[in-house]
Amino acid sequence: MTARFILLVVAKAPVPGLAKTRLCPPATPAQAAQIAAAALLDTLDAVCAVPGAAPVVAMTGDLGSATRPVEIGMALRRVTTIPQRGWDFGARLANAHADAAAVHAGLPILQIGMDTPQITPEALAAAAAPILDSGHDSVLGPAADGGWWALGLADPRHAQVLVDVPMSRDDTGERTLRALTASGLRPRTAACLSDVDTMADARAVAAACPDGRFARAVAAVGGRAVA
């Protein structure tokens, strides 16, 4: 099938002590890395099942030191992997859009992270629809914590506005929306999702996708069952 858009995942190698540290405690560093690895693997499964998507992963960190390296390595064989580059997260996001666009020139981009493992292929297709089928220039998927989980751009060059947006704040979503609008775009809004920063987030997300690797990894923390 001919690719209609780039589905870009911005990801970090799940290395114990470096991945999902806000889950500790109650999780141990090893358990937090297991949760991060499971989130990445479940996300990649969903991404690779979206019709018409060209999956690209912008990766940072040492996969050789990561949890579940063999599984992650096998999963990454299904996608194009590019390195992250930039001095802070906003710059790395902007550069990831530019580098993905260089691999698949002329295609719009829907970018997500690895923190919404409850995502489904159908939900990803719905988030991309405004920039594919409805003629819109952009789409922003808000996160419940005030950030955002998805950014779609008909022209990936507009991702440059992210360089000036402070990331990982409770107003990052609002600031990103203002930056897009100030650049002349009229973003549509995608569904609001919860991403995973704290153990409370992880348990809520696990309950929404009880059959995946992520839910099993969360349930292993403290022996707590997932509903």
C-alpha atoms as a PDB file:
ATOM      1  CA  MET A   1       0.000   0.000   0.000  1.00  0.00           C
ATOM      2  CA  THR A   2       1.290   3.460  -0.879  1.00  0.00           C
ATOM      3  CA  ALA A   3       2.037   5.541   2.206  1.00  0.00           C
ATOM      4  CA  ARG A   4      -0.281   8.505   2.713  1.00  0.00           C
ATOM      5  CA  PHE A   5       1.376   9.975   5.797  1.00  0.00           C
ATOM      6  CA  ILE A   6       4.284   9.570   8.187  1.00  0.00           C
ATOM      7  CA  LEU A   7       3.446   8.204  11.623  1.00  0.00           C
ATOM      8  CA  LEU A   8       6.314   9.464  13.772  1.00  0.00           C
ATOM      9  CA  VAL A   9       6.998   8.058  17.242  1.00  0.00           C
ATOM     10  CA  VAL A  10       9.374   9.992  19.488  1.00  0.00           C
ATOM     11  CA  ALA A  11      10.870   7.444  21.867  1.00  0.00           C
ATOM     12  CA  LYS A  12      13.491   6.947  24.567  1.00  0.00           C
ATOM     13  CA  ALA A  13      15.361   3.717  25.246  1.00  0.00           C
ATOM     14  CA  PRO A  14      13.907   2.126  28.418  1.00  0.00           C
ATOM     15  CA  VAL A  15      17.096   2.016  30.487  1.00  0.00           C
ATOM     16  CA  PRO A  16      16.671   1.297  34.224  1.00  0.00           C
ATOM     17  CA  GLY A  17      17.331   4.411  36.259  1.00  0.00           C
ATOM     18  CA  LEU A  18      16.728   6.692  33.262  1.00  0.00           C
ATOM     19  CA  ALA A  19      13.270   5.705  32.031  1.00  0.00           C
ATOM     20  CA  LYS A  20      10.009   6.697  33.714  1.00  0.00           C
ATOM     21  CA  THR A  21      11.729   7.717  36.940  1.00  0.00           C
ATOM     22  CA  ARG A  22       8.574   9.448  38.190  1.00  0.00           C
ATOM     23  CA  LEU A  23       7.063   5.979  38.654  1.00  0.00           C
ATOM     24  CA  CYS A  24       9.616   5.367  41.438  1.00  0.00           C
ATOM     25  CA  PRO A  25       8.397   4.683  44.049  1.00  0.00           C
ATOM     26  CA  PRO A  26       6.342   2.520  44.186  1.00  0.00           C
ATOM     27  CA  ALA A  27       8.032   1.011  41.122  1.00  0.00           C
ATOM     28  CA  THR A  28      11.696   0.111  41.254  1.00  0.00           C
ATOM     29  CA  PRO A  29      13.939   1.463  38.476  1.00  0.00           C
ATOM     30  CA  ALA A  30      13.861  -1.967  36.837  1.00  0.00           C
ATOM     31  CA  GLN A  31      10.051  -2.095  37.012  1.00  0.00           C
ATOM     32  CA  ALA A  32       9.781   1.440  35.621  1.00  0.00           C
ATOM     33  CA  ALA A  33      11.970   0.418  32.686  1.00  0.00           C
ATOM     34  CA  GLN A  34       9.779  -2.647  32.129  1.00  0.00           C
ATOM     35  CA  ILE A  35       6.723  -0.379  31.999  1.00  0.00           C
ATOM     36  CA  ALA A  36       8.456   1.963  29.543  1.00  0.00           C
ATOM     37  CA  ALA A  37       9.534  -0.962  27.341  1.00  0.00           C
ATOM     38  CA  ALA A  38       6.017  -2.376  27.341  1.00  0.00           C
ATOM     39  CA  ALA A  39       4.603   1.042  26.429  1.00  0.00           C
ATOM     40  CA  LEU A  40       6.992   1.330  23.495  1.00  0.00           C
ATOM     41  CA  LEU A  41       6.248  -2.185  22.230  1.00  0.00           C
ATOM     42  CA  ASP A  42       2.469  -1.779  22.475  1.00  0.00           C
ATOM     43  CA  THR A  43       2.713   1.609  20.754  1.00  0.00           C
ATOM     44  CA  LEU A  44       4.766   0.174  17.905  1.00  0.00           C
ATOM     45  CA  ASP A  45       2.234  -2.620  17.408  1.00  0.00           C
ATOM     46  CA  ALA A  46      -0.540  -0.048  16.998  1.00  0.00           C
ATOM     47  CA  VAL A  47       1.521   2.223  14.762  1.00  0.00           C
ATOM     48  CA  CYS A  48       2.511  -0.589  12.405  1.00  0.00           C
ATOM     49  CA  ALA A  49      -1.127  -1.617  11.982  1.00  0.00           C
ATOM     50  CA  VAL A  50      -2.371   1.746  10.681  1.00  0.00           C
ATOM     51  CA  PRO A  51      -3.263   1.532   6.972  1.00  0.00           C
ATOM     52  CA  GLY A  52      -1.411   4.015   4.787  1.00  0.00           C
ATOM     53  CA  ALA A  53       1.103   4.985   7.468  1.00  0.00           C
ATOM     54  CA  ALA A  54       4.865   5.065   6.988  1.00  0.00           C
ATOM     55  CA  PRO A  55       6.142   4.407  10.538  1.00  0.00           C
ATOM     56  CA  VAL A  56       9.242   6.287  11.681  1.00  0.00           C
ATOM     57  CA  VAL A  57      10.760   6.179  15.175  1.00  0.00           C
ATOM     58  CA  ALA A  58      12.992   9.006  16.417  1.00  0.00           C
ATOM     59  CA  MET A  59      15.016   7.292  19.145  1.00  0.00           C
ATOM     60  CA  THR A  60      17.322   8.503  21.874  1.00  0.00           C
ATOM     61  CA  GLY A  61      19.248   6.547  24.492  1.00  0.00           C
ATOM     62  CA  ASP A  62      21.281   3.346  24.592  1.00  0.00           C
ATOM     63  CA  LEU A  63      19.217   0.405  23.384  1.00  0.00           C
ATOM     64  CA  GLY A  64      22.073  -1.907  24.344  1.00  0.00           C
ATOM     65  CA  SER A  65      21.453  -1.051  28.006  1.00  0.00           C
ATOM     66  CA  ALA A  66      17.674  -1.079  27.707  1.00  0.00           C
ATOM     67  CA  THR A  67      15.139  -3.492  29.113  1.00  0.00           C
ATOM     68  CA  ARG A  68      13.787  -6.067  26.607  1.00  0.00           C
ATOM     69  CA  PRO A  69      16.384  -5.138  23.977  1.00  0.00           C
ATOM     70  CA  VAL A  70      15.760  -8.142  21.730  1.00  0.00           C
ATOM     71  CA  GLU A  71      12.005  -7.503  21.506  1.00  0.00           C
ATOM     72  CA  ILE A  72      12.524  -3.813  20.912  1.00  0.00           C
ATOM     73  CA  GLY A  73      15.153  -4.507  18.266  1.00  0.00           C
ATOM     74  CA  MET A  74      12.791  -6.870  16.452  1.00  0.00           C
ATOM     75  CA  ALA A  75       9.966  -4.310  16.628  1.00  0.00           C
ATOM     76  CA  LEU A  76      12.197  -1.566  15.231  1.00  0.00           C
ATOM     77  CA  ARG A  77      12.894  -3.701  12.163  1.00  0.00           C
ATOM     78  CA  ARG A  78       9.351  -2.877  11.065  1.00  0.00           C
ATOM     79  CA  VAL A  79       9.973   0.877  11.028  1.00  0.00           C
ATOM     80  CA  THR A  80      12.489   3.448   9.868  1.00  0.00           C
ATOM     81  CA  THR A  81      14.600   4.536  12.849  1.00  0.00           C
ATOM     82  CA  ILE A  82      16.282   7.939  13.036  1.00  0.00           C
ATOM     83  CA  PRO A  83      18.312   9.450  15.888  1.00  0.00           C
ATOM     84  CA  GLN A  84      17.009  12.364  17.895  1.00  0.00           C
ATOM     85  CA  ARG A  85      19.111  15.510  17.765  1.00  0.00           C
ATOM     86  CA  GLY A  86      18.826  18.874  19.441  1.00  0.00           C
ATOM     87  CA  TRP A  87      19.687  20.793  22.610  1.00  0.00           C
ATOM     88  CA  ASP A  88      16.324  20.333  24.360  1.00  0.00           C
ATOM     89  CA  PHE A  89      13.074  18.451  23.874  1.00  0.00           C
ATOM     90  CA  GLY A  90      11.391  21.119  21.758  1.00  0.00           C
ATOM     91  CA  ALA A  91      14.351  21.187  19.371  1.00  0.00           C
ATOM     92  CA  ARG A  92      14.452  17.385  19.221  1.00  0.00           C
ATOM     93  CA  LEU A  93      10.772  17.297  18.298  1.00  0.00           C
ATOM     94  CA  ALA A  94      11.203  19.891  15.552  1.00  0.00           C
ATOM     95  CA  ASN A  95      14.253  18.080  14.188  1.00  0.00           C
ATOM     96  CA  ALA A  96      12.456  14.730  14.278  1.00  0.00           C
ATOM     97  CA  HIS A  97       9.738  16.144  12.034  1.00  0.00           C
ATOM     98  CA  ALA A  98      12.349  17.535   9.644  1.00  0.00           C
ATOM     99  CA  ASP A  99      14.350  14.317   9.549  1.00  0.00           C
ATOM    100  CA  ALA A 100      11.277  12.130   9.062  1.00  0.00           C
ATOM    101  CA  ALA A 101      10.124  14.410   6.246  1.00  0.00           C
ATOM    102  CA  ALA A 102      13.524  14.001   4.600  1.00  0.00           C
ATOM    103  CA  VAL A 103      13.019  10.223   4.564  1.00  0.00           C
ATOM    104  CA  HIS A 104       9.472  10.424   3.149  1.00  0.00           C
ATOM    105  CA  ALA A 105       9.390  13.689   1.243  1.00  0.00           C
ATOM    106  CA  GLY A 106       6.060  15.327   0.552  1.00  0.00           C
ATOM    107  CA  LEU A 107       3.985  13.468   3.150  1.00  0.00           C
ATOM    108  CA  PRO A 108       2.124  14.966   6.110  1.00  0.00           C
ATOM    109  CA  ILE A 109       3.124  13.821   9.600  1.00  0.00           C
ATOM    110  CA  LEU A 110       1.259  12.641  12.671  1.00  0.00           C
ATOM    111  CA  GLN A 111       3.659  12.578  15.622  1.00  0.00           C
ATOM    112  CA  ILE A 112       3.082  10.822  18.932  1.00  0.00           C
ATOM    113  CA  GLY A 113       5.183   9.685  21.880  1.00  0.00           C
ATOM    114  CA  MET A 114       5.475   6.311  23.593  1.00  0.00           C
ATOM    115  CA  ASP A 115       3.400   7.399  26.608  1.00  0.00           C
ATOM    116  CA  THR A 116      -0.070   6.473  25.311  1.00  0.00           C
ATOM    117  CA  PRO A 117       0.097   2.666  24.970  1.00  0.00           C
ATOM    118  CA  GLN A 118      -3.705   2.515  25.060  1.00  0.00           C
ATOM    119  CA  ILE A 119      -3.734   3.959  21.543  1.00  0.00           C
ATOM    120  CA  THR A 120      -5.285   1.846  18.802  1.00  0.00           C
ATOM    121  CA  PRO A 121      -4.752   1.820  15.047  1.00  0.00           C
ATOM    122  CA  GLU A 122      -8.291   3.157  14.643  1.00  0.00           C
ATOM    123  CA  ALA A 123      -7.639   6.066  17.014  1.00  0.00           C
ATOM    124  CA  LEU A 124      -4.401   6.936  15.215  1.00  0.00           C
ATOM    125  CA  ALA A 125      -6.171   6.900  11.847  1.00  0.00           C
ATOM    126  CA  ALA A 126      -8.886   9.168  13.274  1.00  0.00           C
ATOM    127  CA  ALA A 127      -6.272  11.604  14.616  1.00  0.00           C
ATOM    128  CA  ALA A 128      -4.598  11.779  11.203  1.00  0.00           C
ATOM    129  CA  ALA A 129      -7.843  12.166   9.250  1.00  0.00           C
ATOM    130  CA  PRO A 130      -8.088  15.986   9.443  1.00  0.00           C
ATOM    131  CA  ILE A 131      -4.757  16.469   7.649  1.00  0.00           C
ATOM    132  CA  LEU A 132      -5.449  13.654   5.175  1.00  0.00           C
ATOM    133  CA  ASP A 133      -9.107  13.658   4.248  1.00  0.00           C
ATOM    134  CA  SER A 134     -10.531  16.965   5.468  1.00  0.00           C
ATOM    135  CA  GLY A 135      -8.033  19.426   4.059  1.00  0.00           C
ATOM    136  CA  HIS A 136      -6.932  20.839   7.414  1.00  0.00           C
ATOM    137  CA  ASP A 137      -3.416  22.101   8.013  1.00  0.00           C
ATOM    138  CA  SER A 138      -2.882  20.718  11.513  1.00  0.00           C
ATOM    139  CA  VAL A 139      -4.309  18.729  14.400  1.00  0.00           C
ATOM    140  CA  LEU A 140      -3.405  18.687  18.092  1.00  0.00           C
ATOM    141  CA  GLY A 141      -4.357  15.907  20.494  1.00  0.00           C
ATOM    142  CA  PRO A 142      -4.516  17.267  24.044  1.00  0.00           C
ATOM    143  CA  ALA A 143      -3.341  15.244  27.029  1.00  0.00           C
ATOM    144  CA  ALA A 144      -5.217  15.172  30.309  1.00  0.00           C
ATOM    145  CA  ASP A 145      -2.260  16.714  32.184  1.00  0.00           C
ATOM    146  CA  GLY A 146      -2.236  19.871  30.050  1.00  0.00           C
ATOM    147  CA  GLY A 147       0.297  18.686  27.496  1.00  0.00           C
ATOM    148  CA  TRP A 148      -0.393  16.977  24.189  1.00  0.00           C
ATOM    149  CA  TRP A 149      -0.047  13.441  22.902  1.00  0.00           C
ATOM    150  CA  ALA A 150      -0.361  13.961  19.127  1.00  0.00           C
ATOM    151  CA  LEU A 151       0.588  16.629  16.616  1.00  0.00           C
ATOM    152  CA  GLY A 152      -0.413  16.388  12.982  1.00  0.00           C
ATOM    153  CA  LEU A 153       0.972  18.713  10.330  1.00  0.00           C
ATOM    154  CA  ALA A 154       0.099  18.817   6.643  1.00  0.00           C
ATOM    155  CA  ASP A 155       3.426  20.612   6.131  1.00  0.00           C
ATOM    156  CA  PRO A 156       6.078  19.230   8.526  1.00  0.00           C
ATOM    157  CA  ARG A 157       8.085  22.460   8.288  1.00  0.00           C
ATOM    158  CA  HIS A 158       5.623  24.042  10.722  1.00  0.00           C
ATOM    159  CA  ALA A 159       7.061  21.840  13.498  1.00  0.00           C
ATOM    160  CA  GLN A 160       9.782  24.477  13.841  1.00  0.00           C
ATOM    161  CA  VAL A 161       7.429  26.399  16.152  1.00  0.00           C
ATOM    162  CA  LEU A 162       8.039  23.713  18.805  1.00  0.00           C
ATOM    163  CA  VAL A 163      11.546  25.043  19.378  1.00  0.00           C
ATOM    164  CA  ASP A 164      10.099  27.983  21.308  1.00  0.00           C
ATOM    165  CA  VAL A 165       7.473  26.049  23.279  1.00  0.00           C
ATOM    166  CA  PRO A 166       8.387  24.998  26.847  1.00  0.00           C
ATOM    167  CA  MET A 167       7.772  21.262  27.138  1.00  0.00           C
ATOM    168  CA  SER A 168       6.651  19.008  30.018  1.00  0.00           C
ATOM    169  CA  ARG A 169       4.516  21.686  31.680  1.00  0.00           C
ATOM    170  CA  ASP A 170       0.846  21.826  32.544  1.00  0.00           C
ATOM    171  CA  ASP A 171       0.364  24.567  29.945  1.00  0.00           C
ATOM    172  CA  THR A 172       2.414  22.987  27.140  1.00  0.00           C
ATOM    173  CA  GLY A 173      -0.728  22.093  25.212  1.00  0.00           C
ATOM    174  CA  GLU A 174      -2.089  25.632  25.405  1.00  0.00           C
ATOM    175  CA  ARG A 175       1.283  27.120  24.461  1.00  0.00           C
ATOM    176  CA  THR A 176       1.642  24.743  21.510  1.00  0.00           C
ATOM    177  CA  LEU A 177      -1.828  25.658  20.287  1.00  0.00           C
ATOM    178  CA  ARG A 178      -0.964  29.357  20.486  1.00  0.00           C
ATOM    179  CA  ALA A 179       2.320  28.822  18.632  1.00  0.00           C
ATOM    180  CA  LEU A 180       0.599  26.930  15.836  1.00  0.00           C
ATOM    181  CA  THR A 181      -2.099  29.572  15.529  1.00  0.00           C
ATOM    182  CA  ALA A 182       0.464  32.391  15.540  1.00  0.00           C
ATOM    183  CA  SER A 183       2.207  30.721  12.590  1.00  0.00           C
ATOM    184  CA  GLY A 184      -1.016  30.945  10.581  1.00  0.00           C
ATOM    185  CA  LEU A 185      -2.355  27.416  11.189  1.00  0.00           C
ATOM    186  CA  ARG A 186      -5.871  26.497  12.295  1.00  0.00           C
ATOM    187  CA  PRO A 187      -5.466  23.292  14.314  1.00  0.00           C
ATOM    188  CA  ARG A 188      -8.269  20.785  14.680  1.00  0.00           C
ATOM    189  CA  THR A 189      -8.558  19.009  18.026  1.00  0.00           C
ATOM    190  CA  ALA A 190      -8.118  15.247  18.347  1.00  0.00           C
ATOM    191  CA  ALA A 191      -9.393  13.132  21.232  1.00  0.00           C
ATOM    192  CA  CYS A 192      -7.975  13.863  24.679  1.00  0.00           C
ATOM    193  CA  LEU A 193      -5.890  11.015  26.130  1.00  0.00           C
ATOM    194  CA  SER A 194      -4.043  10.373  29.384  1.00  0.00           C
ATOM    195  CA  ASP A 195      -0.329   9.827  29.028  1.00  0.00           C
ATOM    196  CA  VAL A 196       1.882   8.089  31.576  1.00  0.00           C
ATOM    197  CA  ASP A 197       3.948  10.163  33.990  1.00  0.00           C
ATOM    198  CA  THR A 198       2.984   8.848  37.436  1.00  0.00           C
ATOM    199  CA  MET A 199       1.935   5.452  38.750  1.00  0.00           C
ATOM    200  CA  ALA A 200      -1.629   6.717  39.049  1.00  0.00           C
ATOM    201  CA  ASP A 201      -1.496   7.548  35.336  1.00  0.00           C
ATOM    202  CA  ALA A 202      -0.011   4.136  34.571  1.00  0.00           C
ATOM    203  CA  ARG A 203      -2.756   2.277  36.419  1.00  0.00           C
ATOM    204  CA  ALA A 204      -5.498   4.309  34.764  1.00  0.00           C
ATOM    205  CA  VAL A 205      -4.022   3.733  31.292  1.00  0.00           C
ATOM    206  CA  ALA A 206      -3.483   0.036  32.025  1.00  0.00           C
ATOM    207  CA  ALA A 207      -7.159  -0.298  32.888  1.00  0.00           C
ATOM    208  CA  ALA A 208      -7.985   1.092  29.445  1.00  0.00           C
ATOM    209  CA  CYS A 209      -5.852  -1.547  27.678  1.00  0.00           C
ATOM    210  CA  PRO A 210      -5.925  -4.567  30.009  1.00  0.00           C
ATOM    211  CA  ASP A 211      -4.755  -7.132  27.465  1.00  0.00           C
ATOM    212  CA  GLY A 212      -1.423  -5.607  26.436  1.00  0.00           C
ATOM    213  CA  ARG A 213       2.162  -5.807  27.629  1.00  0.00           C
ATOM    214  CA  PHE A 214       1.761  -2.452  29.354  1.00  0.00           C
ATOM    215  CA  ALA A 215      -1.014  -3.632  31.657  1.00  0.00           C
ATOM    216  CA  ARG A 216       0.985  -6.719  32.619  1.00  0.00           C
ATOM    217  CA  ALA A 217       4.039  -4.616  33.427  1.00  0.00           C
ATOM    218  CA  VAL A 218       1.998  -2.227  35.576  1.00  0.00           C
ATOM    219  CA  ALA A 219       0.292  -5.104  37.381  1.00  0.00           C
ATOM    220  CA  ALA A 220       3.706  -6.466  38.388  1.00  0.00           C
ATOM    221  CA  VAL A 221       4.380  -3.403  40.563  1.00  0.00           C
ATOM    222  CA  GLY A 222       3.481  -4.340  44.093  1.00  0.00           C
ATOM    223  CA  GLY A 223       1.515  -7.327  42.857  1.00  0.00           C
ATOM    224  CA  ARG A 224      -1.459  -5.053  42.211  1.00  0.00           C
ATOM    225  CA  ALA A 225      -3.982  -6.423  39.770  1.00  0.00           C
ATOM    226  CA  VAL A 226      -5.252  -4.380  36.867  1.00  0.00           C
ATOM    227  CA  ALA A 227      -9.003  -4.026  36.472  1.00  0.00           C
END
